[in-house]
Amino acid sequence: MSDRLAQLEMSMDQAQDAIKDLEALKRLEKNRDFKRLITEGYFREEASRLVLMLPDPNMQEPAMQKSMQEGIIACGQFRQYLGTKYQIGNAAVRSLAADEVTRETLLAEEA
């Protein structure tokens, strides 16, 4: 097996893993409990609660402000993580099809 074919096989394995993550995420997002706890509870309600507490006169101690800001950032980071999984998974779907064609070409050349 050529180095190029070995690298392509490794790339295809990574793409398949990314596609599995994408499929898992799609299943999660359809799950009623995920929607309740994460999509609605964390991304919407908790993020909103934290943002609305920032200007509250009773929450102006530096430690409280820092805690709320960290919570807001955590919501955004987790949402970004899921979005990145979507982007990587979708790119993997596209690249895997092209890689399969390339693989067949390389195997034909080696034969």
C-alpha atoms as a PDB file:
ATOM      1  CA  MET A   1       0.000   0.000   0.000  1.00  0.00           C
ATOM      2  CA  SER A   2       1.371   3.374  -0.983  1.00  0.00           C
ATOM      3  CA  ASP A   3       1.882   6.184   1.484  1.00  0.00           C
ATOM      4  CA  ARG A   4      -0.750   8.229  -0.299  1.00  0.00           C
ATOM      5  CA  LEU A   5      -3.293   5.417  -0.007  1.00  0.00           C
ATOM      6  CA  ALA A   6      -2.447   4.912   3.678  1.00  0.00           C
ATOM      7  CA  GLN A   7      -2.927   8.635   4.354  1.00  0.00           C
ATOM      8  CA  LEU A   8      -6.201   8.589   2.469  1.00  0.00           C
ATOM      9  CA  GLU A   9      -7.429   5.608   4.486  1.00  0.00           C
ATOM     10  CA  MET A  10      -6.548   7.445   7.703  1.00  0.00           C
ATOM     11  CA  SER A  11      -8.387  10.540   6.483  1.00  0.00           C
ATOM     12  CA  MET A  12     -11.422   8.425   5.627  1.00  0.00           C
ATOM     13  CA  ASP A  13     -11.406   6.853   9.119  1.00  0.00           C
ATOM     14  CA  GLN A  14     -11.339  10.321  10.682  1.00  0.00           C
ATOM     15  CA  ALA A  15     -14.166  11.443   8.408  1.00  0.00           C
ATOM     16  CA  GLN A  16     -16.235   8.443   9.441  1.00  0.00           C
ATOM     17  CA  ASP A  17     -15.698   9.317  13.116  1.00  0.00           C
ATOM     18  CA  ALA A  18     -16.791  12.908  12.457  1.00  0.00           C
ATOM     19  CA  ILE A  19     -19.880  11.632  10.654  1.00  0.00           C
ATOM     20  CA  LYS A  20     -20.719   9.406  13.629  1.00  0.00           C
ATOM     21  CA  ASP A  21     -20.483  12.475  15.890  1.00  0.00           C
ATOM     22  CA  LEU A  22     -22.755  14.404  13.525  1.00  0.00           C
ATOM     23  CA  GLU A  23     -25.330  11.591  13.497  1.00  0.00           C
ATOM     24  CA  ALA A  24     -25.186  11.343  17.307  1.00  0.00           C
ATOM     25  CA  LEU A  25     -25.721  15.095  17.619  1.00  0.00           C
ATOM     26  CA  LYS A  26     -28.706  14.960  15.273  1.00  0.00           C
ATOM     27  CA  ARG A  27     -30.229  12.165  17.381  1.00  0.00           C
ATOM     28  CA  LEU A  28     -29.601  14.151  20.566  1.00  0.00           C
ATOM     29  CA  GLU A  29     -31.252  17.267  19.193  1.00  0.00           C
ATOM     30  CA  LYS A  30     -34.387  15.276  18.376  1.00  0.00           C
ATOM     31  CA  ASN A  31     -34.489  13.864  21.897  1.00  0.00           C
ATOM     32  CA  ARG A  32     -37.205  15.452  24.039  1.00  0.00           C
ATOM     33  CA  ASP A  33     -35.027  15.439  27.177  1.00  0.00           C
ATOM     34  CA  PHE A  34     -32.105  17.075  25.371  1.00  0.00           C
ATOM     35  CA  LYS A  35     -34.421  19.788  24.069  1.00  0.00           C
ATOM     36  CA  ARG A  36     -35.838  20.376  27.538  1.00  0.00           C
ATOM     37  CA  LEU A  37     -32.571  20.408  29.472  1.00  0.00           C
ATOM     38  CA  ILE A  38     -30.015  21.705  26.986  1.00  0.00           C
ATOM     39  CA  THR A  39     -31.691  23.595  24.154  1.00  0.00           C
ATOM     40  CA  GLU A  40     -34.407  25.277  26.219  1.00  0.00           C
ATOM     41  CA  GLY A  41     -33.069  24.990  29.756  1.00  0.00           C
ATOM     42  CA  TYR A  42     -29.402  25.782  29.298  1.00  0.00           C
ATOM     43  CA  PHE A  43     -29.054  27.678  26.024  1.00  0.00           C
ATOM     44  CA  ARG A  44     -32.193  29.752  26.397  1.00  0.00           C
ATOM     45  CA  GLU A  45     -33.324  30.003  30.030  1.00  0.00           C
ATOM     46  CA  GLU A  46     -30.005  29.818  31.870  1.00  0.00           C
ATOM     47  CA  ALA A  47     -28.210  32.105  29.428  1.00  0.00           C
ATOM     48  CA  SER A  48     -31.041  34.633  29.661  1.00  0.00           C
ATOM     49  CA  ARG A  49     -31.129  34.423  33.463  1.00  0.00           C
ATOM     50  CA  LEU A  50     -27.401  35.107  33.677  1.00  0.00           C
ATOM     51  CA  VAL A  51     -27.534  38.031  31.249  1.00  0.00           C
ATOM     52  CA  LEU A  52     -30.464  39.600  33.093  1.00  0.00           C
ATOM     53  CA  MET A  53     -28.675  39.238  36.441  1.00  0.00           C
ATOM     54  CA  LEU A  54     -25.573  41.128  35.286  1.00  0.00           C
ATOM     55  CA  PRO A  55     -27.029  44.626  35.850  1.00  0.00           C
ATOM     56  CA  ASP A  56     -28.939  43.642  39.019  1.00  0.00           C
ATOM     57  CA  PRO A  57     -27.839  46.051  41.808  1.00  0.00           C
ATOM     58  CA  ASN A  58     -27.714  43.128  44.260  1.00  0.00           C
ATOM     59  CA  MET A  59     -25.284  41.202  42.051  1.00  0.00           C
ATOM     60  CA  GLN A  60     -22.497  43.744  41.618  1.00  0.00           C
ATOM     61  CA  GLU A  61     -19.803  42.137  43.759  1.00  0.00           C
ATOM     62  CA  PRO A  62     -16.822  41.313  41.556  1.00  0.00           C
ATOM     63  CA  ALA A  63     -17.008  37.595  42.412  1.00  0.00           C
ATOM     64  CA  MET A  64     -20.698  37.480  41.458  1.00  0.00           C
ATOM     65  CA  GLN A  65     -20.093  39.374  38.226  1.00  0.00           C
ATOM     66  CA  LYS A  66     -17.226  37.069  37.343  1.00  0.00           C
ATOM     67  CA  SER A  67     -19.319  33.988  38.053  1.00  0.00           C
ATOM     68  CA  MET A  68     -22.185  35.207  35.846  1.00  0.00           C
ATOM     69  CA  GLN A  69     -19.829  36.143  33.025  1.00  0.00           C
ATOM     70  CA  GLU A  70     -18.170  32.742  33.201  1.00  0.00           C
ATOM     71  CA  GLY A  71     -21.603  31.100  33.049  1.00  0.00           C
ATOM     72  CA  ILE A  72     -22.537  33.113  29.971  1.00  0.00           C
ATOM     73  CA  ILE A  73     -19.241  32.214  28.317  1.00  0.00           C
ATOM     74  CA  ALA A  74     -19.763  28.533  29.179  1.00  0.00           C
ATOM     75  CA  CYS A  75     -23.167  28.534  27.452  1.00  0.00           C
ATOM     76  CA  GLY A  76     -21.618  30.077  24.365  1.00  0.00           C
ATOM     77  CA  GLN A  77     -18.651  27.733  24.351  1.00  0.00           C
ATOM     78  CA  PHE A  78     -20.828  24.642  24.605  1.00  0.00           C
ATOM     79  CA  ARG A  79     -23.093  25.878  21.826  1.00  0.00           C
ATOM     80  CA  GLN A  80     -20.008  26.641  19.717  1.00  0.00           C
ATOM     81  CA  TYR A  81     -18.685  23.137  20.380  1.00  0.00           C
ATOM     82  CA  LEU A  82     -21.907  21.612  19.066  1.00  0.00           C
ATOM     83  CA  GLY A  83     -21.874  23.931  16.062  1.00  0.00           C
ATOM     84  CA  THR A  84     -18.301  22.938  15.297  1.00  0.00           C
ATOM     85  CA  LYS A  85     -19.294  19.262  15.433  1.00  0.00           C
ATOM     86  CA  TYR A  86     -21.971  20.040  12.845  1.00  0.00           C
ATOM     87  CA  GLN A  87     -19.522  21.848  10.566  1.00  0.00           C
ATOM     88  CA  ILE A  88     -16.865  19.150  10.819  1.00  0.00           C
ATOM     89  CA  GLY A  89     -19.423  16.390  10.288  1.00  0.00           C
ATOM     90  CA  ASN A  90     -20.931  18.047   7.238  1.00  0.00           C
ATOM     91  CA  ALA A  91     -17.480  18.644   5.759  1.00  0.00           C
ATOM     92  CA  ALA A  92     -16.617  15.000   6.440  1.00  0.00           C
ATOM     93  CA  VAL A  93     -19.709  13.838   4.551  1.00  0.00           C
ATOM     94  CA  ARG A  94     -18.591  15.825   1.521  1.00  0.00           C
ATOM     95  CA  SER A  95     -14.940  14.786   1.709  1.00  0.00           C
ATOM     96  CA  LEU A  96     -15.668  11.100   2.302  1.00  0.00           C
ATOM     97  CA  ALA A  97     -17.462  10.775  -1.021  1.00  0.00           C
ATOM     98  CA  ALA A  98     -14.521  12.353  -2.846  1.00  0.00           C
ATOM     99  CA  ASP A  99     -12.022  10.270  -0.867  1.00  0.00           C
ATOM    100  CA  GLU A 100     -13.802   7.062  -1.847  1.00  0.00           C
ATOM    101  CA  VAL A 101     -13.428   7.946  -5.526  1.00  0.00           C
ATOM    102  CA  THR A 102      -9.759   8.796  -5.032  1.00  0.00           C
ATOM    103  CA  ARG A 103      -9.226   5.532  -3.142  1.00  0.00           C
ATOM    104  CA  GLU A 104     -10.688   3.492  -5.982  1.00  0.00           C
ATOM    105  CA  THR A 105      -8.431   5.326  -8.456  1.00  0.00           C
ATOM    106  CA  LEU A 106      -5.335   4.663  -6.331  1.00  0.00           C
ATOM    107  CA  LEU A 107      -6.220   1.005  -5.905  1.00  0.00           C
ATOM    108  CA  ALA A 108      -6.704   0.659  -9.663  1.00  0.00           C
ATOM    109  CA  GLU A 109      -3.310   2.274 -10.277  1.00  0.00           C
ATOM    110  CA  GLU A 110      -1.606  -0.099  -7.844  1.00  0.00           C
ATOM    111  CA  ALA A 111      -3.198  -3.184  -9.408  1.00  0.00           C
END
